[in-house]
Amino acid sequence: MSIFKTFKTIFAKSGEPRVEEQEAALDNPGRIGDRRSRKRRDAREGTRALIIDDSPTIVAALKRFLRSAGYITLEAGDAEKGIEIARTENPELIFLDIVLPGMNGFAALRMLRRDPATKDVPIIMISGNEQATEQFFGTRIGADDFMKKPFSRFEVFARIERLLDADLVPRRTAASTNQPKPV
């Protein structure tokens, strides 16, 4: 994917389908229309989301998406700062990149899951790598979902929607809380 397509994908208007979605719609007519006509369930206004990513572009895109839906965003450029913010600011949702300067996202995930203050916060891992091993390892050590870069506004909110309880608060999924813990 060219750099132009990447930026267009990240910063596309909310109603504008991604290039991949447009191509998929050719094979599956009605897919985009169905997505647009379905009412999205958003987390309650004021939900606090922590974004831990060293890419200013990714942080800006997520902030834009989340703030437009009434979220309060917190940001960290590395895992150490992200863990500190998670402990002190009590976010209700965390987006955690895997490749970070210093401590990587997997090590940060382990620390967040072991800390009583953050162990129950839903975490969506983010990576530019689509390897199934990353997804498997992330979910095995406690990630609630996995999102590949670049992502669309639709994908961000679809992943959040899966984590919402009846009160529209992000919660850990039953599957992720019952995962076997690594030795």
Protein backbone atom coordinates (compact mmCIF):
# COMPACT_ATOMS: atom_id res chain seq x y z
CA MET A 1 0.00 0.00 0.00
CA SER A 2 1.40 3.39 -0.94
CA ILE A 3 2.01 6.04 1.71
CA PHE A 4 -0.78 8.12 0.17
CA LYS A 5 -3.28 5.26 0.47
CA THR A 6 -2.15 4.66 4.06
CA PHE A 7 -2.81 8.28 5.07
CA LYS A 8 -6.06 8.35 3.11
CA THR A 9 -7.15 5.19 4.94
CA ILE A 10 -6.28 6.56 8.37
CA PHE A 11 -7.72 10.04 7.87
CA ALA A 12 -10.67 9.16 5.63
CA LYS A 13 -13.94 10.88 6.45
CA SER A 14 -16.12 8.79 8.70
CA GLY A 15 -18.63 8.03 5.96
CA GLU A 16 -16.02 7.23 3.34
CA PRO A 17 -15.27 3.51 2.98
CA ARG A 18 -11.64 2.33 2.93
CA VAL A 19 -10.12 1.18 -0.32
CA GLU A 20 -10.18 -2.40 0.97
CA GLU A 21 -13.86 -2.03 1.90
CA GLN A 22 -14.64 -0.66 -1.55
CA GLU A 23 -12.87 -3.61 -3.17
CA ALA A 24 -14.60 -6.10 -0.86
CA ALA A 25 -17.96 -4.52 -1.69
CA LEU A 26 -17.44 -5.52 -5.31
CA ASP A 27 -17.38 -9.15 -4.19
CA ASN A 28 -20.10 -8.71 -1.55
CA PRO A 29 -22.65 -6.08 -2.63
CA GLY A 30 -24.51 -4.41 0.21
CA ARG A 31 -21.72 -4.85 2.77
CA ILE A 32 -20.92 -1.14 3.05
CA GLY A 33 -24.57 -0.14 2.94
CA ASP A 34 -25.40 -2.63 5.73
CA ARG A 35 -22.62 -1.22 7.89
CA ARG A 36 -23.81 2.35 7.39
CA SER A 37 -27.47 1.60 8.07
CA ARG A 38 -26.79 -0.31 11.31
CA LYS A 39 -26.87 1.86 14.43
CA ARG A 40 -23.50 1.83 16.15
CA ARG A 41 -23.38 1.26 19.91
CA ASP A 42 -20.91 3.69 21.42
CA ALA A 43 -19.42 3.65 24.87
CA ARG A 44 -20.99 6.18 27.20
CA GLU A 45 -19.81 9.76 26.80
CA GLY A 46 -16.69 10.52 28.83
CA THR A 47 -15.20 7.01 28.55
CA ARG A 48 -11.46 7.33 29.16
CA ALA A 49 -9.25 5.67 26.55
CA LEU A 50 -5.46 5.42 26.81
CA ILE A 51 -3.49 5.26 23.55
CA ILE A 52 0.03 3.83 23.90
CA ASP A 53 1.80 4.23 20.55
CA ASP A 54 5.01 5.91 19.40
CA SER A 55 3.53 6.96 16.05
CA PRO A 56 2.14 10.51 16.15
CA THR A 57 0.02 9.67 13.09
CA ILE A 58 -1.67 6.69 14.77
CA VAL A 59 -2.19 8.64 18.00
CA ALA A 60 -3.72 11.56 16.05
CA ALA A 61 -6.05 9.25 14.11
CA LEU A 62 -7.26 7.39 17.20
CA LYS A 63 -7.69 10.66 19.13
CA ARG A 64 -9.75 12.11 16.29
CA PHE A 65 -11.98 9.04 16.04
CA LEU A 66 -12.48 8.67 19.79
CA ARG A 67 -12.97 12.34 20.65
CA SER A 68 -15.58 12.69 17.91
CA ALA A 69 -17.61 10.07 19.81
CA GLY A 70 -17.24 11.76 23.21
CA TYR A 71 -14.26 9.84 24.61
CA ILE A 72 -11.59 11.42 26.77
CA THR A 73 -8.18 10.39 25.43
CA LEU A 74 -4.90 9.96 27.24
CA GLU A 75 -1.68 9.37 25.29
CA ALA A 76 1.73 7.84 25.89
CA GLY A 77 4.60 7.43 23.43
CA ASP A 78 6.18 4.46 25.20
CA ALA A 79 5.15 1.53 27.38
CA GLU A 80 6.70 2.81 30.60
CA LYS A 81 4.79 6.11 30.45
CA GLY A 82 1.64 4.24 29.37
CA ILE A 83 1.79 1.92 32.38
CA GLU A 84 2.28 4.92 34.68
CA ILE A 85 -0.74 6.71 33.15
CA ALA A 86 -2.84 3.54 33.34
CA ARG A 87 -2.08 3.20 37.05
CA THR A 88 -2.79 6.84 37.93
CA GLU A 89 -5.55 7.89 35.51
CA ASN A 90 -7.71 4.71 35.51
CA PRO A 91 -8.65 4.49 31.82
CA GLU A 92 -11.58 2.28 30.88
CA LEU A 93 -9.97 1.11 27.62
CA ILE A 94 -6.37 0.84 26.37
CA PHE A 95 -5.03 0.73 22.81
CA LEU A 96 -1.51 -0.74 23.02
CA ASP A 97 0.97 -0.92 20.16
CA ILE A 98 3.25 -3.96 20.06
CA VAL A 99 6.40 -2.30 18.70
CA LEU A 100 7.42 0.49 21.07
CA PRO A 101 10.73 2.07 22.07
CA GLY A 102 12.16 0.43 25.19
CA MET A 103 9.66 -2.06 26.58
CA ASN A 104 7.54 -3.72 23.88
CA GLY A 105 3.76 -4.02 23.97
CA PHE A 106 3.78 -7.68 25.04
CA ALA A 107 5.88 -6.90 28.13
CA ALA A 108 3.62 -3.93 28.89
CA LEU A 109 0.55 -6.15 28.51
CA ARG A 110 1.98 -8.64 31.01
CA MET A 111 2.67 -5.85 33.51
CA LEU A 112 -0.81 -4.35 33.08
CA ARG A 113 -2.44 -7.77 33.60
CA ARG A 114 -0.41 -8.46 36.76
CA ASP A 115 -1.20 -5.07 38.33
CA PRO A 116 -4.40 -5.14 40.46
CA ALA A 117 -5.17 -1.54 39.39
CA THR A 118 -5.15 -2.37 35.65
CA LYS A 119 -5.80 -6.11 35.38
CA ASP A 120 -9.46 -5.68 34.39
CA VAL A 121 -9.04 -2.88 31.84
CA PRO A 122 -9.83 -4.08 28.29
CA ILE A 123 -6.78 -3.86 26.02
CA ILE A 124 -6.81 -3.77 22.23
CA MET A 125 -3.36 -4.55 20.79
CA ILE A 126 -2.28 -2.70 17.65
CA SER A 127 0.34 -3.79 15.13
CA GLY A 128 1.45 -3.07 11.61
CA ASN A 129 2.26 -6.77 11.32
CA GLU A 130 -0.57 -9.14 10.45
CA GLN A 131 1.15 -12.26 11.78
CA ALA A 132 -1.22 -14.70 13.42
CA THR A 133 1.49 -15.48 15.97
CA GLU A 134 1.25 -11.91 17.30
CA GLN A 135 -2.51 -12.19 17.65
CA PHE A 136 -2.25 -15.60 19.33
CA PHE A 137 0.49 -14.51 21.73
CA GLY A 138 -1.32 -11.26 22.56
CA THR A 139 -4.58 -12.99 23.39
CA ARG A 140 -2.77 -15.73 25.29
CA ILE A 141 -1.22 -13.20 27.69
CA GLY A 142 -4.37 -11.15 28.12
CA ALA A 143 -5.24 -8.91 25.14
CA ASP A 144 -8.95 -8.56 24.52
CA ASP A 145 -8.66 -7.84 20.81
CA PHE A 146 -6.14 -7.17 18.04
CA MET A 147 -6.21 -4.45 15.38
CA LYS A 148 -3.91 -4.23 12.36
CA LYS A 149 -2.53 -0.89 11.15
CA PRO A 150 -3.76 0.90 9.14
CA PHE A 151 -7.30 0.72 10.49
CA SER A 152 -10.53 2.49 9.69
CA ARG A 153 -12.87 4.41 11.95
CA PHE A 154 -15.38 1.61 11.43
CA GLU A 155 -12.91 -1.02 12.63
CA VAL A 156 -11.99 0.95 15.76
CA PHE A 157 -15.62 1.30 16.83
CA ALA A 158 -16.52 -2.27 15.85
CA ARG A 159 -13.76 -3.57 18.13
CA ILE A 160 -14.87 -1.30 20.97
CA GLU A 161 -18.49 -2.33 20.48
CA ARG A 162 -17.57 -5.98 21.08
CA LEU A 163 -16.27 -5.01 24.53
CA LEU A 164 -19.29 -3.00 25.69
CA ASP A 165 -21.53 -4.27 28.48
CA ALA A 166 -25.23 -3.43 28.91
CA ASP A 167 -24.28 -0.08 30.51
CA LEU A 168 -22.07 0.80 27.50
CA VAL A 169 -18.88 0.43 29.53
CA PRO A 170 -15.93 -1.43 27.95
CA ARG A 171 -15.33 -4.71 29.81
CA ARG A 172 -12.92 -7.58 29.38
CA THR A 173 -14.37 -10.39 27.31
CA ALA A 174 -15.21 -13.66 29.03
CA ALA A 175 -12.87 -15.51 26.66
CA SER A 176 -9.91 -13.29 27.50
CA THR A 177 -10.41 -13.49 31.26
CA ASN A 178 -10.54 -17.30 31.09
CA GLN A 179 -7.36 -17.69 29.04
CA PRO A 180 -4.72 -19.97 30.54
CA LYS A 181 -1.99 -17.91 32.14
CA PRO A 182 1.57 -18.41 30.91
CA VAL A 183 3.94 -20.10 33.34
